[in-house]
Amino acid sequence: QKLAAEVSAAKKERDFYLNKVDQARVISEIEKRKKDAGGADMLRSIEEKRTVRNFPQSQARPDPVTDKKQRLSRSVLNFIGGKK
């Protein structure tokens, strides 16, 4: 049963890869045809139309474990530690 699951997963991966290879081949053929028909200007417009997604990064919050700031005042620490 485990072997059958591995074989099934491998088939899915293979099919996905082959699908992507076919898509890339078709896109490159389209670009070649458009380049031949319209020249470099047409190819440039195709490249500009491709979607580029920018995901803004949020600012990281400081880690309380590795943060070097002292959270308690010296007087409180001395009180807890018993030093006067």
C-alpha atoms as a PDB file:
ATOM      1  CA  GLN A   1       0.000   0.000   0.000  1.00  0.00           C
ATOM      2  CA  LYS A   2       2.862   2.377   0.810  1.00  0.00           C
ATOM      3  CA  LEU A   3       4.536   1.524  -2.485  1.00  0.00           C
ATOM      4  CA  ALA A   4       1.320   2.222  -4.374  1.00  0.00           C
ATOM      5  CA  ALA A   5       1.072   5.652  -2.726  1.00  0.00           C
ATOM      6  CA  GLU A   6       4.677   6.451  -3.680  1.00  0.00           C
ATOM      7  CA  VAL A   7       4.067   5.365  -7.275  1.00  0.00           C
ATOM      8  CA  SER A   8       0.918   7.495  -7.421  1.00  0.00           C
ATOM      9  CA  ALA A   9       2.771  10.527  -6.044  1.00  0.00           C
ATOM     10  CA  ALA A  10       5.587  10.017  -8.548  1.00  0.00           C
ATOM     11  CA  LYS A  11       3.068   9.868 -11.414  1.00  0.00           C
ATOM     12  CA  LYS A  12       1.455  13.108 -10.252  1.00  0.00           C
ATOM     13  CA  GLU A  13       4.842  14.822 -10.054  1.00  0.00           C
ATOM     14  CA  ARG A  14       5.764  13.556 -13.518  1.00  0.00           C
ATOM     15  CA  ASP A  15       2.484  14.729 -15.029  1.00  0.00           C
ATOM     16  CA  PHE A  16       2.836  18.146 -13.379  1.00  0.00           C
ATOM     17  CA  TYR A  17       6.389  18.524 -14.687  1.00  0.00           C
ATOM     18  CA  LEU A  18       5.439  17.464 -18.212  1.00  0.00           C
ATOM     19  CA  ASN A  19       2.501  19.864 -18.170  1.00  0.00           C
ATOM     20  CA  LYS A  20       4.790  22.752 -17.210  1.00  0.00           C
ATOM     21  CA  VAL A  21       7.312  21.787 -19.905  1.00  0.00           C
ATOM     22  CA  ASP A  22       4.529  21.808 -22.508  1.00  0.00           C
ATOM     23  CA  GLN A  23       3.323  25.210 -21.282  1.00  0.00           C
ATOM     24  CA  ALA A  24       6.832  26.654 -21.519  1.00  0.00           C
ATOM     25  CA  ARG A  25       7.250  25.251 -25.033  1.00  0.00           C
ATOM     26  CA  VAL A  26       3.936  26.744 -26.177  1.00  0.00           C
ATOM     27  CA  ILE A  27       4.761  30.140 -24.648  1.00  0.00           C
ATOM     28  CA  SER A  28       8.182  30.208 -26.284  1.00  0.00           C
ATOM     29  CA  GLU A  29       6.633  29.297 -29.648  1.00  0.00           C
ATOM     30  CA  ILE A  30       4.074  32.092 -29.283  1.00  0.00           C
ATOM     31  CA  GLU A  31       6.817  34.561 -28.400  1.00  0.00           C
ATOM     32  CA  LYS A  32       8.885  33.424 -31.387  1.00  0.00           C
ATOM     33  CA  ARG A  33       5.913  33.802 -33.730  1.00  0.00           C
ATOM     34  CA  LYS A  34       5.102  37.260 -32.369  1.00  0.00           C
ATOM     35  CA  LYS A  35       8.745  38.284 -32.627  1.00  0.00           C
ATOM     36  CA  ASP A  36       8.870  37.164 -36.244  1.00  0.00           C
ATOM     37  CA  ALA A  37       5.601  38.954 -37.029  1.00  0.00           C
ATOM     38  CA  GLY A  38       6.003  42.160 -35.054  1.00  0.00           C
ATOM     39  CA  GLY A  39       9.675  42.448 -34.339  1.00  0.00           C
ATOM     40  CA  ALA A  40      11.315  43.446 -31.078  1.00  0.00           C
ATOM     41  CA  ASP A  41       8.556  45.912 -30.142  1.00  0.00           C
ATOM     42  CA  MET A  42       5.953  43.157 -30.011  1.00  0.00           C
ATOM     43  CA  LEU A  43       8.212  40.945 -27.905  1.00  0.00           C
ATOM     44  CA  ARG A  44       8.871  43.802 -25.481  1.00  0.00           C
ATOM     45  CA  SER A  45       5.121  44.360 -25.064  1.00  0.00           C
ATOM     46  CA  ILE A  46       4.635  40.663 -24.282  1.00  0.00           C
ATOM     47  CA  GLU A  47       7.304  40.794 -21.594  1.00  0.00           C
ATOM     48  CA  GLU A  48       5.715  43.902 -20.076  1.00  0.00           C
ATOM     49  CA  LYS A  49       2.332  42.185 -19.865  1.00  0.00           C
ATOM     50  CA  ARG A  50       3.655  39.328 -17.772  1.00  0.00           C
ATOM     51  CA  THR A  51       2.442  39.555 -14.222  1.00  0.00           C
ATOM     52  CA  VAL A  52       5.018  40.316 -11.605  1.00  0.00           C
ATOM     53  CA  ARG A  53       3.669  40.054  -8.100  1.00  0.00           C
ATOM     54  CA  ASN A  54       5.315  41.953  -5.300  1.00  0.00           C
ATOM     55  CA  PHE A  55       4.440  40.912  -1.795  1.00  0.00           C
ATOM     56  CA  PRO A  56       5.307  43.565   0.780  1.00  0.00           C
ATOM     57  CA  GLN A  57       7.263  42.285   3.720  1.00  0.00           C
ATOM     58  CA  SER A  58       6.091  43.133   7.199  1.00  0.00           C
ATOM     59  CA  GLN A  59       8.546  44.354   9.782  1.00  0.00           C
ATOM     60  CA  ALA A  60       9.824  41.606  12.052  1.00  0.00           C
ATOM     61  CA  ARG A  61       8.939  41.845  15.696  1.00  0.00           C
ATOM     62  CA  PRO A  62      11.818  41.629  18.175  1.00  0.00           C
ATOM     63  CA  ASP A  63      12.345  38.241  19.737  1.00  0.00           C
ATOM     64  CA  PRO A  64      12.015  38.486  23.530  1.00  0.00           C
ATOM     65  CA  VAL A  65      14.420  35.588  24.057  1.00  0.00           C
ATOM     66  CA  THR A  66      17.319  36.999  22.083  1.00  0.00           C
ATOM     67  CA  ASP A  67      16.522  40.665  22.729  1.00  0.00           C
ATOM     68  CA  LYS A  68      19.440  42.237  24.593  1.00  0.00           C
ATOM     69  CA  LYS A  69      17.396  44.939  26.333  1.00  0.00           C
ATOM     70  CA  GLN A  70      16.964  44.580  30.057  1.00  0.00           C
ATOM     71  CA  ARG A  71      13.260  44.291  30.866  1.00  0.00           C
ATOM     72  CA  LEU A  72      13.400  44.781  34.626  1.00  0.00           C
ATOM     73  CA  SER A  73      15.023  47.643  36.480  1.00  0.00           C
ATOM     74  CA  ARG A  74      18.161  47.063  38.526  1.00  0.00           C
ATOM     75  CA  SER A  75      16.308  47.741  41.774  1.00  0.00           C
ATOM     76  CA  VAL A  76      13.762  45.006  41.052  1.00  0.00           C
ATOM     77  CA  LEU A  77      16.509  42.576  40.067  1.00  0.00           C
ATOM     78  CA  ASN A  78      18.447  43.394  43.236  1.00  0.00           C
ATOM     79  CA  PHE A  79      15.291  42.887  45.306  1.00  0.00           C
ATOM     80  CA  ILE A  80      14.706  39.464  43.739  1.00  0.00           C
ATOM     81  CA  GLY A  81      18.337  38.441  44.010  1.00  0.00           C
ATOM     82  CA  GLY A  82      18.601  39.567  47.611  1.00  0.00           C
ATOM     83  CA  LYS A  83      21.470  42.005  47.034  1.00  0.00           C
ATOM     84  CA  LYS A  84      21.334  45.417  48.683  1.00  0.00           C
END
